[in-house]
Amino acid sequence: MYLPNENSHLFCLEAVSDVENEKDSAVFPFLEHLALRYGITNVYKSCDSIEGFEESLNVLLYEDRNFKDYEILYFVFKGAENVVEIDRYTYSLEEIAEVFEGKLTDKIIHFANSKTLNIDTETAQYFLNLTGAKALSGYSVPSLISSGLLDTAFFGLYQEIDDVTELVETLFDAHYNLCKSLGFELHY
């Protein structure tokens, strides 16, 4: 069990089919587990359209007083490669990077495995350079198995290990088979 670090904050944005239906999300128990086990304060927001996605990002960037405290932005979307899908609309990582231009200093952007992050180094570097993010992570292998277990381990380890290379090494040491089967990737 990890000792809670009161400075750890996570923002989760999930694409759902209907924001009015709270039962549409399977993320709530996961976020509750993070709060109880690791002391990670988290904020959850959902969107069901590209307009809702853009509005959520704008509120996060320009109205959320706690934005500077979020160390991890956790995106739960469908999609593959370089795009996220929301209500049959695709949004590229380059477009997301432009929204966050220069605003993600010292933050990790992590995608759940509902969206594969199978991107080349050039795309990852563009995202990191434009946003200023510390790291971009996710999974490259499509899988019916939820990445929740590995996401929990990753976020929990981040409580103790700030260096991303050491963090990934420790994650792979503890969960090698799961990391390989889901294709865990971290670009920094």
N, C-alpha and C. Protein backbone atom coordinates (compact mmCIF):
# COMPACT_ATOMS: atom_id res chain seq x y z
N MET A 1 0.85 -1.18 0.00
CA MET A 1 0.00 0.00 0.00
C MET A 1 0.89 1.24 0.00
N TYR A 2 0.54 2.19 -0.82
CA TYR A 2 1.29 3.43 -0.94
C TYR A 2 0.76 4.45 0.04
N LEU A 3 1.64 5.31 0.50
CA LEU A 3 1.20 6.40 1.35
C LEU A 3 0.64 7.50 0.47
N PRO A 4 -0.54 7.99 0.78
CA PRO A 4 -1.14 9.03 -0.05
C PRO A 4 -0.27 10.28 -0.09
N ASN A 5 -0.17 10.85 -1.26
CA ASN A 5 0.54 12.10 -1.47
C ASN A 5 -0.53 13.14 -1.73
N GLU A 6 -0.69 14.07 -0.80
CA GLU A 6 -1.80 15.01 -0.92
C GLU A 6 -1.69 15.94 -2.12
N ASN A 7 -0.56 15.92 -2.81
CA ASN A 7 -0.39 16.79 -3.97
C ASN A 7 -0.81 16.11 -5.27
N SER A 8 -1.23 14.87 -5.24
CA SER A 8 -1.55 14.15 -6.46
C SER A 8 -2.98 14.42 -6.90
N HIS A 9 -3.08 14.88 -8.14
CA HIS A 9 -4.39 15.20 -8.71
C HIS A 9 -4.47 14.65 -10.12
N LEU A 10 -5.64 14.18 -10.47
CA LEU A 10 -5.87 13.60 -11.78
C LEU A 10 -7.17 14.16 -12.33
N PHE A 11 -7.15 14.52 -13.61
CA PHE A 11 -8.36 14.96 -14.30
C PHE A 11 -8.70 13.89 -15.32
N CYS A 12 -9.95 13.40 -15.28
CA CYS A 12 -10.40 12.37 -16.20
C CYS A 12 -11.49 12.93 -17.10
N LEU A 13 -11.30 12.77 -18.40
CA LEU A 13 -12.33 13.14 -19.37
C LEU A 13 -12.69 11.90 -20.16
N GLU A 14 -13.97 11.55 -20.13
CA GLU A 14 -14.44 10.34 -20.79
C GLU A 14 -15.50 10.67 -21.82
N ALA A 15 -15.40 10.05 -22.98
CA ALA A 15 -16.44 10.15 -24.00
C ALA A 15 -17.48 9.07 -23.72
N VAL A 16 -18.73 9.47 -23.58
CA VAL A 16 -19.83 8.55 -23.33
C VAL A 16 -20.90 8.76 -24.39
N SER A 17 -21.85 7.84 -24.48
CA SER A 17 -22.90 8.00 -25.49
C SER A 17 -23.93 9.05 -25.09
N ASP A 18 -24.12 9.26 -23.76
CA ASP A 18 -25.10 10.24 -23.30
C ASP A 18 -24.66 10.78 -21.94
N VAL A 19 -24.31 12.06 -21.86
CA VAL A 19 -23.84 12.63 -20.59
C VAL A 19 -24.92 12.67 -19.52
N GLU A 20 -26.18 12.58 -19.92
CA GLU A 20 -27.28 12.59 -18.96
C GLU A 20 -27.41 11.25 -18.23
N ASN A 21 -26.82 10.19 -18.77
CA ASN A 21 -26.92 8.86 -18.19
C ASN A 21 -25.63 8.54 -17.44
N GLU A 22 -25.62 8.76 -16.12
CA GLU A 22 -24.42 8.52 -15.33
C GLU A 22 -24.03 7.05 -15.29
N LYS A 23 -24.96 6.15 -15.56
CA LYS A 23 -24.66 4.72 -15.56
C LYS A 23 -23.87 4.32 -16.80
N ASP A 24 -23.69 5.25 -17.72
CA ASP A 24 -22.98 5.00 -18.96
C ASP A 24 -21.48 4.84 -18.74
N SER A 25 -20.97 5.23 -17.59
CA SER A 25 -19.53 5.22 -17.33
C SER A 25 -19.12 4.07 -16.42
N ALA A 26 -18.04 3.40 -16.82
CA ALA A 26 -17.45 2.37 -15.97
C ALA A 26 -16.23 2.91 -15.24
N VAL A 27 -15.96 4.20 -15.40
CA VAL A 27 -14.76 4.81 -14.84
C VAL A 27 -14.92 5.17 -13.36
N PHE A 28 -16.15 5.43 -12.90
CA PHE A 28 -16.36 5.86 -11.52
C PHE A 28 -15.73 4.92 -10.48
N PRO A 29 -15.96 3.60 -10.55
CA PRO A 29 -15.34 2.73 -9.55
C PRO A 29 -13.81 2.79 -9.59
N PHE A 30 -13.26 2.93 -10.78
CA PHE A 30 -11.81 3.04 -10.94
C PHE A 30 -11.29 4.30 -10.25
N LEU A 31 -11.95 5.42 -10.48
CA LEU A 31 -11.52 6.68 -9.87
C LEU A 31 -11.67 6.65 -8.35
N GLU A 32 -12.75 6.02 -7.89
CA GLU A 32 -12.96 5.86 -6.45
C GLU A 32 -11.83 5.03 -5.84
N HIS A 33 -11.44 3.95 -6.52
CA HIS A 33 -10.34 3.10 -6.06
C HIS A 33 -9.04 3.91 -5.97
N LEU A 34 -8.76 4.74 -6.97
CA LEU A 34 -7.55 5.58 -6.95
C LEU A 34 -7.55 6.51 -5.74
N ALA A 35 -8.70 7.09 -5.46
CA ALA A 35 -8.80 8.01 -4.33
C ALA A 35 -8.61 7.29 -3.00
N LEU A 36 -9.26 6.14 -2.85
CA LEU A 36 -9.18 5.41 -1.58
C LEU A 36 -7.83 4.74 -1.36
N ARG A 37 -7.30 4.10 -2.38
CA ARG A 37 -6.05 3.34 -2.21
C ARG A 37 -4.82 4.22 -2.25
N TYR A 38 -4.79 5.21 -3.15
CA TYR A 38 -3.58 5.99 -3.34
C TYR A 38 -3.72 7.46 -2.92
N GLY A 39 -4.89 7.87 -2.51
CA GLY A 39 -5.08 9.25 -2.11
C GLY A 39 -5.02 10.23 -3.26
N ILE A 40 -5.31 9.76 -4.47
CA ILE A 40 -5.26 10.63 -5.64
C ILE A 40 -6.60 11.37 -5.77
N THR A 41 -6.54 12.67 -5.63
CA THR A 41 -7.72 13.50 -5.83
C THR A 41 -8.02 13.52 -7.31
N ASN A 42 -9.26 13.24 -7.68
CA ASN A 42 -9.56 13.24 -9.11
C ASN A 42 -10.85 13.97 -9.40
N VAL A 43 -10.88 14.51 -10.60
CA VAL A 43 -12.06 15.20 -11.10
C VAL A 43 -12.48 14.49 -12.36
N TYR A 44 -13.78 14.22 -12.46
CA TYR A 44 -14.32 13.50 -13.62
C TYR A 44 -15.24 14.40 -14.42
N LYS A 45 -15.11 14.32 -15.72
CA LYS A 45 -15.99 15.04 -16.64
C LYS A 45 -16.27 14.11 -17.81
N SER A 46 -17.48 14.19 -18.34
CA SER A 46 -17.81 13.37 -19.51
C SER A 46 -18.28 14.28 -20.63
N CYS A 47 -18.19 13.74 -21.84
CA CYS A 47 -18.69 14.46 -23.01
C CYS A 47 -19.29 13.44 -23.97
N ASP A 48 -20.28 13.88 -24.75
CA ASP A 48 -20.91 12.97 -25.70
C ASP A 48 -20.92 13.52 -27.12
N SER A 49 -20.22 14.64 -27.30
CA SER A 49 -20.13 15.26 -28.63
C SER A 49 -18.80 15.98 -28.74
N ILE A 50 -18.44 16.32 -29.96
CA ILE A 50 -17.20 17.06 -30.14
C ILE A 50 -17.31 18.45 -29.52
N GLU A 51 -18.51 19.02 -29.54
CA GLU A 51 -18.71 20.32 -28.88
C GLU A 51 -18.50 20.19 -27.38
N GLY A 52 -19.01 19.10 -26.80
CA GLY A 52 -18.82 18.85 -25.37
C GLY A 52 -17.36 18.63 -25.04
N PHE A 53 -16.64 17.95 -25.92
CA PHE A 53 -15.21 17.73 -25.76
C PHE A 53 -14.47 19.06 -25.74
N GLU A 54 -14.73 19.89 -26.74
CA GLU A 54 -14.06 21.19 -26.82
C GLU A 54 -14.42 22.08 -25.63
N GLU A 55 -15.70 22.05 -25.23
CA GLU A 55 -16.13 22.83 -24.07
C GLU A 55 -15.43 22.36 -22.80
N SER A 56 -15.32 21.04 -22.63
CA SER A 56 -14.64 20.48 -21.45
C SER A 56 -13.18 20.91 -21.40
N LEU A 57 -12.51 20.88 -22.55
CA LEU A 57 -11.11 21.29 -22.58
C LEU A 57 -10.97 22.79 -22.28
N ASN A 58 -11.87 23.60 -22.82
CA ASN A 58 -11.82 25.04 -22.56
C ASN A 58 -12.08 25.36 -21.09
N VAL A 59 -13.07 24.67 -20.48
CA VAL A 59 -13.33 24.87 -19.06
C VAL A 59 -12.11 24.44 -18.25
N LEU A 60 -11.52 23.32 -18.59
CA LEU A 60 -10.33 22.83 -17.90
C LEU A 60 -9.20 23.86 -17.97
N LEU A 61 -8.95 24.37 -19.16
CA LEU A 61 -7.84 25.29 -19.36
C LEU A 61 -8.07 26.68 -18.79
N TYR A 62 -9.28 27.21 -18.94
CA TYR A 62 -9.49 28.62 -18.65
C TYR A 62 -10.36 28.92 -17.44
N GLU A 63 -11.07 27.92 -16.91
CA GLU A 63 -11.95 28.20 -15.78
C GLU A 63 -11.67 27.36 -14.54
N ASP A 64 -11.00 26.23 -14.71
CA ASP A 64 -10.73 25.35 -13.57
C ASP A 64 -9.57 25.92 -12.75
N ARG A 65 -9.88 26.37 -11.55
CA ARG A 65 -8.86 26.97 -10.68
C ARG A 65 -7.78 25.97 -10.28
N ASN A 66 -8.10 24.67 -10.36
CA ASN A 66 -7.16 23.65 -9.93
C ASN A 66 -6.33 23.06 -11.07
N PHE A 67 -6.44 23.60 -12.28
CA PHE A 67 -5.75 23.02 -13.43
C PHE A 67 -4.26 22.83 -13.17
N LYS A 68 -3.63 23.78 -12.53
CA LYS A 68 -2.19 23.69 -12.29
C LYS A 68 -1.84 22.50 -11.39
N ASP A 69 -2.81 22.02 -10.59
CA ASP A 69 -2.56 20.91 -9.67
C ASP A 69 -2.66 19.53 -10.33
N TYR A 70 -3.32 19.45 -11.47
CA TYR A 70 -3.47 18.14 -12.12
C TYR A 70 -2.13 17.69 -12.68
N GLU A 71 -1.67 16.54 -12.21
CA GLU A 71 -0.42 15.99 -12.71
C GLU A 71 -0.66 15.04 -13.87
N ILE A 72 -1.84 14.44 -13.90
CA ILE A 72 -2.19 13.49 -14.96
C ILE A 72 -3.53 13.88 -15.55
N LEU A 73 -3.58 13.95 -16.88
CA LEU A 73 -4.84 14.09 -17.59
C LEU A 73 -5.12 12.73 -18.20
N TYR A 74 -6.20 12.12 -17.77
CA TYR A 74 -6.56 10.75 -18.15
C TYR A 74 -7.73 10.80 -19.12
N PHE A 75 -7.49 10.42 -20.36
CA PHE A 75 -8.52 10.47 -21.39
C PHE A 75 -9.03 9.06 -21.68
N VAL A 76 -10.34 8.90 -21.60
CA VAL A 76 -10.98 7.62 -21.87
C VAL A 76 -11.88 7.82 -23.09
N PHE A 77 -11.32 7.51 -24.25
CA PHE A 77 -12.00 7.69 -25.52
C PHE A 77 -11.84 6.44 -26.36
N LYS A 78 -12.65 6.32 -27.37
CA LYS A 78 -12.43 5.31 -28.40
C LYS A 78 -11.53 5.96 -29.44
N GLY A 79 -10.90 5.12 -30.24
CA GLY A 79 -10.05 5.65 -31.30
C GLY A 79 -8.86 4.74 -31.53
N ALA A 80 -8.06 5.12 -32.48
CA ALA A 80 -6.87 4.35 -32.82
C ALA A 80 -5.83 5.28 -33.42
N GLU A 81 -4.60 4.78 -33.38
CA GLU A 81 -3.49 5.50 -34.00
C GLU A 81 -3.42 6.92 -33.45
N ASN A 82 -3.68 7.89 -34.32
CA ASN A 82 -3.49 9.29 -34.04
C ASN A 82 -4.80 10.05 -33.77
N VAL A 83 -5.92 9.35 -33.63
CA VAL A 83 -7.20 10.04 -33.48
C VAL A 83 -8.02 9.50 -32.31
N VAL A 84 -8.82 10.39 -31.74
CA VAL A 84 -9.85 9.99 -30.78
C VAL A 84 -11.18 10.14 -31.50
N GLU A 85 -12.13 9.30 -31.11
CA GLU A 85 -13.46 9.34 -31.72
C GLU A 85 -14.49 9.72 -30.67
N ILE A 86 -15.31 10.71 -31.02
CA ILE A 86 -16.39 11.13 -30.15
C ILE A 86 -17.62 11.32 -31.03
N ASP A 87 -18.64 10.55 -30.78
CA ASP A 87 -19.89 10.65 -31.53
C ASP A 87 -19.64 10.65 -33.05
N ARG A 88 -18.85 9.69 -33.49
CA ARG A 88 -18.50 9.47 -34.90
C ARG A 88 -17.67 10.60 -35.51
N TYR A 89 -17.12 11.48 -34.70
CA TYR A 89 -16.24 12.54 -35.17
C TYR A 89 -14.83 12.21 -34.70
N THR A 90 -13.84 12.46 -35.52
CA THR A 90 -12.47 12.19 -35.10
C THR A 90 -11.73 13.50 -34.85
N TYR A 91 -10.86 13.42 -33.88
CA TYR A 91 -10.05 14.55 -33.47
C TYR A 91 -8.62 14.04 -33.39
N SER A 92 -7.68 14.64 -34.12
CA SER A 92 -6.30 14.14 -34.15
C SER A 92 -5.52 14.63 -32.93
N LEU A 93 -4.43 13.93 -32.64
CA LEU A 93 -3.56 14.36 -31.55
C LEU A 93 -2.97 15.74 -31.85
N GLU A 94 -2.71 16.02 -33.12
CA GLU A 94 -2.20 17.34 -33.49
C GLU A 94 -3.21 18.43 -33.14
N GLU A 95 -4.50 18.16 -33.39
CA GLU A 95 -5.55 19.13 -33.04
C GLU A 95 -5.64 19.31 -31.52
N ILE A 96 -5.54 18.22 -30.79
CA ILE A 96 -5.56 18.29 -29.33
C ILE A 96 -4.35 19.08 -28.83
N ALA A 97 -3.19 18.83 -29.45
CA ALA A 97 -1.96 19.55 -29.07
C ALA A 97 -2.12 21.05 -29.28
N GLU A 98 -2.78 21.45 -30.35
CA GLU A 98 -2.99 22.87 -30.62
C GLU A 98 -3.87 23.52 -29.55
N VAL A 99 -4.88 22.78 -29.06
CA VAL A 99 -5.74 23.30 -27.99
C VAL A 99 -4.92 23.53 -26.72
N PHE A 100 -3.99 22.61 -26.45
CA PHE A 100 -3.19 22.67 -25.22
C PHE A 100 -1.84 23.35 -25.41
N GLU A 101 -1.65 24.06 -26.49
CA GLU A 101 -0.34 24.63 -26.82
C GLU A 101 0.28 25.36 -25.63
N GLY A 102 1.43 24.85 -25.19
CA GLY A 102 2.19 25.46 -24.11
C GLY A 102 1.57 25.39 -22.73
N LYS A 103 0.49 24.62 -22.55
CA LYS A 103 -0.25 24.65 -21.29
C LYS A 103 -0.13 23.38 -20.44
N LEU A 104 0.66 22.40 -20.89
CA LEU A 104 0.70 21.12 -20.16
C LEU A 104 2.04 20.85 -19.48
N THR A 105 2.75 21.88 -19.13
CA THR A 105 4.05 21.72 -18.49
C THR A 105 3.94 20.83 -17.26
N ASP A 106 4.82 19.83 -17.18
CA ASP A 106 4.91 18.89 -16.05
C ASP A 106 3.68 18.00 -15.90
N LYS A 107 2.91 17.80 -16.95
CA LYS A 107 1.73 16.93 -16.89
C LYS A 107 1.95 15.70 -17.78
N ILE A 108 1.37 14.60 -17.33
CA ILE A 108 1.35 13.38 -18.14
C ILE A 108 -0.04 13.26 -18.74
N ILE A 109 -0.09 13.04 -20.04
CA ILE A 109 -1.35 12.78 -20.74
C ILE A 109 -1.41 11.28 -20.95
N HIS A 110 -2.44 10.63 -20.43
CA HIS A 110 -2.53 9.17 -20.51
C HIS A 110 -3.88 8.77 -21.10
N PHE A 111 -3.83 7.91 -22.12
CA PHE A 111 -5.04 7.39 -22.74
C PHE A 111 -5.30 5.97 -22.26
N ALA A 112 -6.53 5.70 -21.86
CA ALA A 112 -6.94 4.33 -21.52
C ALA A 112 -6.88 3.50 -22.80
N ASN A 113 -6.90 2.20 -22.68
CA ASN A 113 -6.74 1.36 -23.87
C ASN A 113 -7.99 1.24 -24.73
N SER A 114 -9.04 1.98 -24.43
CA SER A 114 -10.18 2.03 -25.33
C SER A 114 -9.80 2.77 -26.61
N LYS A 115 -8.71 3.51 -26.56
CA LYS A 115 -8.11 4.16 -27.72
C LYS A 115 -6.67 3.69 -27.80
N THR A 116 -6.30 3.05 -28.90
CA THR A 116 -4.90 2.64 -29.03
C THR A 116 -4.05 3.85 -29.39
N LEU A 117 -2.89 3.90 -28.78
CA LEU A 117 -1.94 4.98 -29.01
C LEU A 117 -0.76 4.40 -29.76
N ASN A 118 -1.00 4.01 -30.98
CA ASN A 118 0.04 3.42 -31.81
C ASN A 118 0.53 4.50 -32.77
N ILE A 119 1.42 5.36 -32.26
CA ILE A 119 1.88 6.51 -33.03
C ILE A 119 3.39 6.46 -33.22
N ASP A 120 3.86 7.20 -34.22
CA ASP A 120 5.30 7.25 -34.46
C ASP A 120 5.95 8.29 -33.54
N THR A 121 7.26 8.23 -33.48
CA THR A 121 8.02 9.12 -32.61
C THR A 121 7.82 10.58 -33.00
N GLU A 122 7.72 10.85 -34.29
CA GLU A 122 7.54 12.23 -34.77
C GLU A 122 6.23 12.83 -34.26
N THR A 123 5.15 12.07 -34.31
CA THR A 123 3.85 12.55 -33.83
C THR A 123 3.90 12.79 -32.33
N ALA A 124 4.50 11.86 -31.60
CA ALA A 124 4.61 12.01 -30.15
C ALA A 124 5.45 13.24 -29.80
N GLN A 125 6.55 13.42 -30.50
CA GLN A 125 7.43 14.55 -30.22
C GLN A 125 6.75 15.88 -30.53
N TYR A 126 5.98 15.91 -31.61
CA TYR A 126 5.22 17.12 -31.95
C TYR A 126 4.26 17.46 -30.81
N PHE A 127 3.53 16.46 -30.33
CA PHE A 127 2.57 16.66 -29.24
C PHE A 127 3.29 17.19 -28.00
N LEU A 128 4.39 16.54 -27.63
CA LEU A 128 5.12 16.94 -26.42
C LEU A 128 5.72 18.34 -26.57
N ASN A 129 6.32 18.62 -27.71
CA ASN A 129 6.94 19.94 -27.92
C ASN A 129 5.90 21.05 -27.92
N LEU A 130 4.78 20.84 -28.58
CA LEU A 130 3.77 21.88 -28.68
C LEU A 130 3.06 22.13 -27.35
N THR A 131 2.77 21.07 -26.61
CA THR A 131 2.01 21.22 -25.36
C THR A 131 2.90 21.50 -24.16
N GLY A 132 4.15 21.06 -24.21
CA GLY A 132 5.04 21.18 -23.06
C GLY A 132 4.83 20.05 -22.06
N ALA A 133 4.06 19.03 -22.42
CA ALA A 133 3.77 17.92 -21.49
C ALA A 133 5.04 17.17 -21.12
N LYS A 134 5.03 16.61 -19.93
CA LYS A 134 6.13 15.78 -19.45
C LYS A 134 6.17 14.47 -20.21
N ALA A 135 4.99 13.89 -20.48
CA ALA A 135 4.94 12.59 -21.16
C ALA A 135 3.56 12.36 -21.76
N LEU A 136 3.52 11.48 -22.75
CA LEU A 136 2.31 11.03 -23.41
C LEU A 136 2.32 9.52 -23.34
N SER A 137 1.27 8.92 -22.78
CA SER A 137 1.29 7.47 -22.62
C SER A 137 -0.06 6.86 -22.98
N GLY A 138 -0.01 5.54 -23.21
CA GLY A 138 -1.20 4.79 -23.56
C GLY A 138 -0.80 3.40 -24.02
N TYR A 139 -1.63 2.79 -24.85
CA TYR A 139 -1.45 1.39 -25.23
C TYR A 139 -1.55 1.24 -26.75
N SER A 140 -0.68 0.41 -27.29
CA SER A 140 -0.63 0.26 -28.75
C SER A 140 -1.33 -1.00 -29.26
N VAL A 141 -1.72 -1.89 -28.37
CA VAL A 141 -2.33 -3.14 -28.78
C VAL A 141 -3.83 -3.11 -28.48
N PRO A 142 -4.68 -3.28 -29.49
CA PRO A 142 -6.13 -3.35 -29.23
C PRO A 142 -6.43 -4.57 -28.36
N SER A 143 -7.28 -4.39 -27.37
CA SER A 143 -7.57 -5.47 -26.44
C SER A 143 -8.97 -5.31 -25.86
N LEU A 144 -9.62 -6.42 -25.62
CA LEU A 144 -10.92 -6.40 -24.95
C LEU A 144 -10.75 -6.28 -23.44
N ILE A 145 -9.53 -6.52 -22.97
CA ILE A 145 -9.23 -6.41 -21.55
C ILE A 145 -9.02 -4.93 -21.21
N SER A 146 -9.68 -4.46 -20.18
CA SER A 146 -9.52 -3.07 -19.75
C SER A 146 -8.11 -2.83 -19.23
N SER A 147 -7.61 -1.64 -19.48
CA SER A 147 -6.29 -1.28 -18.98
C SER A 147 -6.34 -0.78 -17.54
N GLY A 148 -7.51 -0.86 -16.90
CA GLY A 148 -7.68 -0.32 -15.55
C GLY A 148 -6.66 -0.80 -14.54
N LEU A 149 -6.33 -2.08 -14.54
CA LEU A 149 -5.36 -2.62 -13.59
C LEU A 149 -3.99 -1.97 -13.78
N LEU A 150 -3.55 -1.88 -15.04
CA LEU A 150 -2.26 -1.29 -15.31
C LEU A 150 -2.29 0.23 -15.11
N ASP A 151 -3.40 0.86 -15.46
CA ASP A 151 -3.53 2.30 -15.21
C ASP A 151 -3.42 2.58 -13.72
N THR A 152 -4.06 1.76 -12.89
CA THR A 152 -3.99 1.91 -11.44
C THR A 152 -2.54 1.82 -10.96
N ALA A 153 -1.84 0.79 -11.44
CA ALA A 153 -0.43 0.62 -11.05
C ALA A 153 0.40 1.82 -11.50
N PHE A 154 0.19 2.28 -12.72
CA PHE A 154 0.93 3.41 -13.28
C PHE A 154 0.70 4.67 -12.45
N PHE A 155 -0.56 4.99 -12.19
CA PHE A 155 -0.88 6.20 -11.41
C PHE A 155 -0.39 6.07 -9.97
N GLY A 156 -0.50 4.87 -9.40
CA GLY A 156 -0.02 4.64 -8.04
C GLY A 156 1.49 4.80 -7.93
N LEU A 157 2.22 4.24 -8.90
CA LEU A 157 3.67 4.38 -8.89
C LEU A 157 4.10 5.83 -9.06
N TYR A 158 3.32 6.58 -9.81
CA TYR A 158 3.65 7.99 -10.03
C TYR A 158 3.61 8.77 -8.71
N GLN A 159 2.92 8.23 -7.71
CA GLN A 159 2.89 8.84 -6.38
C GLN A 159 4.29 8.88 -5.79
N GLU A 160 5.08 7.85 -6.09
CA GLU A 160 6.40 7.71 -5.48
C GLU A 160 7.55 8.05 -6.41
N ILE A 161 7.33 7.90 -7.72
CA ILE A 161 8.42 8.05 -8.69
C ILE A 161 8.07 9.14 -9.68
N ASP A 162 8.79 10.24 -9.61
CA ASP A 162 8.52 11.38 -10.48
C ASP A 162 9.24 11.26 -11.83
N ASP A 163 10.37 10.58 -11.86
CA ASP A 163 11.15 10.42 -13.08
C ASP A 163 10.46 9.40 -13.99
N VAL A 164 10.08 9.81 -15.20
CA VAL A 164 9.26 8.94 -16.06
C VAL A 164 10.00 7.69 -16.53
N THR A 165 11.31 7.77 -16.74
CA THR A 165 12.03 6.56 -17.18
C THR A 165 12.09 5.54 -16.05
N GLU A 166 12.36 6.00 -14.84
CA GLU A 166 12.37 5.10 -13.68
C GLU A 166 10.96 4.55 -13.43
N LEU A 167 9.96 5.39 -13.61
CA LEU A 167 8.57 4.98 -13.44
C LEU A 167 8.22 3.82 -14.38
N VAL A 168 8.56 3.97 -15.65
CA VAL A 168 8.25 2.93 -16.64
C VAL A 168 9.04 1.65 -16.36
N GLU A 169 10.31 1.79 -15.98
CA GLU A 169 11.11 0.61 -15.63
C GLU A 169 10.48 -0.15 -14.47
N THR A 170 10.04 0.57 -13.45
CA THR A 170 9.42 -0.05 -12.29
C THR A 170 8.09 -0.70 -12.67
N LEU A 171 7.32 -0.03 -13.51
CA LEU A 171 6.05 -0.58 -13.97
C LEU A 171 6.27 -1.87 -14.75
N PHE A 172 7.24 -1.89 -15.64
CA PHE A 172 7.54 -3.09 -16.42
C PHE A 172 8.09 -4.20 -15.51
N ASP A 173 8.91 -3.86 -14.53
CA ASP A 173 9.42 -4.87 -13.60
C ASP A 173 8.28 -5.55 -12.85
N ALA A 174 7.28 -4.77 -12.45
CA ALA A 174 6.18 -5.30 -11.65
C ALA A 174 5.08 -5.95 -12.49
N HIS A 175 4.91 -5.50 -13.73
CA HIS A 175 3.77 -5.95 -14.54
C HIS A 175 4.18 -6.21 -15.99
N TYR A 176 5.30 -6.87 -16.18
CA TYR A 176 5.86 -7.04 -17.52
C TYR A 176 4.87 -7.65 -18.51
N ASN A 177 4.25 -8.76 -18.15
CA ASN A 177 3.35 -9.45 -19.08
C ASN A 177 2.16 -8.58 -19.48
N LEU A 178 1.60 -7.87 -18.52
CA LEU A 178 0.48 -6.99 -18.82
C LEU A 178 0.91 -5.80 -19.69
N CYS A 179 2.06 -5.23 -19.37
CA CYS A 179 2.59 -4.12 -20.19
C CYS A 179 2.80 -4.56 -21.63
N LYS A 180 3.37 -5.74 -21.82
CA LYS A 180 3.64 -6.24 -23.18
C LYS A 180 2.35 -6.61 -23.90
N SER A 181 1.42 -7.27 -23.21
CA SER A 181 0.19 -7.70 -23.89
C SER A 181 -0.70 -6.53 -24.28
N LEU A 182 -0.66 -5.43 -23.51
CA LEU A 182 -1.45 -4.25 -23.85
C LEU A 182 -0.66 -3.26 -24.70
N GLY A 183 0.65 -3.47 -24.80
CA GLY A 183 1.49 -2.57 -25.58
C GLY A 183 1.65 -1.21 -24.93
N PHE A 184 1.95 -1.19 -23.62
CA PHE A 184 2.12 0.08 -22.91
C PHE A 184 3.24 0.89 -23.56
N GLU A 185 2.96 2.16 -23.83
CA GLU A 185 3.96 3.06 -24.41
C GLU A 185 3.97 4.36 -23.63
N LEU A 186 5.17 4.90 -23.45
CA LEU A 186 5.31 6.21 -22.86
C LEU A 186 6.32 6.99 -23.68
N HIS A 187 5.91 8.14 -24.16
CA HIS A 187 6.79 9.02 -24.93
C HIS A 187 7.09 10.22 -24.05
N TYR A 188 8.36 10.60 -24.00
CA TYR A 188 8.74 11.77 -23.18
C TYR A 188 9.82 12.56 -23.87
